[in-house]
């Protein structure tokens, strides 16, 4: 694949070539931390703790009256 085939040097922003990375820290069994970074920028951070109830990602059915 040539540089032109992927758009290198054609005015594309440099950030479009940076890969996102997911960093996971699960060294402690009671807590897990997850960070998503792109280049040097933190895109997202989340953590789960055994001591607190996790609501992120759960789906609930409710009726609002």
Protein backbone atom coordinates (compact mmCIF):
# COMPACT_ATOMS: atom_id res chain seq x y z
CA UNK A 1 0.00 0.00 0.00
CA UNK A 2 1.44 3.39 -0.91
CA UNK A 3 1.35 6.56 1.16
CA UNK A 4 -1.13 8.05 -1.31
CA UNK A 5 -3.47 5.08 -0.93
CA UNK A 6 -3.97 5.82 2.77
CA UNK A 7 -4.04 9.60 2.39
CA UNK A 8 -0.65 10.43 3.94
CA UNK A 9 0.58 13.84 2.89
CA UNK A 10 -2.74 14.92 1.39
CA UNK A 11 -3.78 17.40 4.05
CA UNK A 12 -5.35 14.86 6.40
CA UNK A 13 -5.13 15.88 10.06
CA UNK A 14 -2.44 14.03 11.98
CA UNK A 15 -4.99 12.97 14.62
CA UNK A 16 -6.76 10.76 12.07
CA UNK A 17 -3.66 8.52 12.01
CA UNK A 18 -3.35 8.13 15.79
CA UNK A 19 -4.71 4.87 17.10
CA UNK A 20 -6.87 4.77 20.19
CA UNK A 21 -5.52 2.59 22.98
CA UNK A 22 -7.41 1.02 25.85
CA UNK A 23 -5.33 0.72 29.03
CA UNK A 24 -6.65 -1.65 31.70
CA UNK A 25 -5.35 -1.78 35.27
CA UNK A 26 -6.67 -4.86 37.07
CA UNK A 27 -3.76 -5.42 39.44
CA UNK A 28 -6.03 -5.16 42.49
CA UNK A 29 -8.91 -7.67 42.64
CA UNK A 30 -11.25 -5.15 44.30
CA UNK A 31 -10.91 -2.45 41.61
CA UNK A 32 -10.51 -2.29 37.83
CA UNK A 33 -9.58 0.92 35.98
CA UNK A 34 -9.94 1.47 32.24
CA UNK A 35 -8.62 4.45 30.27
CA UNK A 36 -9.00 5.17 26.55
CA UNK A 37 -6.27 7.41 25.11
CA UNK A 38 -5.64 8.78 21.63
CA UNK A 39 -2.09 10.01 21.26
CA UNK A 40 -1.42 11.94 24.48
CA UNK A 41 -5.08 12.83 25.09
CA UNK A 42 -7.30 11.01 27.59
CA UNK A 43 -10.59 10.25 25.81
CA UNK A 44 -12.41 8.27 28.53
CA UNK A 45 -11.79 6.93 32.03
CA UNK A 46 -13.91 4.51 34.03
CA UNK A 47 -13.44 2.30 37.06
CA UNK A 48 -15.34 -0.43 38.83
CA UNK A 49 -15.05 -1.11 42.52
CA UNK A 50 -16.26 -4.16 44.40
CA UNK A 51 -17.31 -1.88 47.26
CA UNK A 52 -19.79 0.10 45.16
CA UNK A 53 -22.68 -1.09 43.00
CA UNK A 54 -21.94 -0.70 39.30
CA UNK A 55 -24.79 0.86 37.29
CA UNK A 56 -22.83 1.62 34.12
CA UNK A 57 -23.94 -0.64 31.27
CA UNK A 58 -27.04 -1.97 33.02
CA UNK A 59 -30.37 -1.70 31.19
CA UNK A 60 -33.59 -0.93 33.07
CA UNK A 61 -37.20 -0.93 31.89
CA UNK A 62 -39.31 1.79 33.45
CA UNK A 63 -42.58 3.60 32.88
CA UNK A 64 -42.75 7.33 33.54
CA UNK A 65 -46.19 8.57 34.60
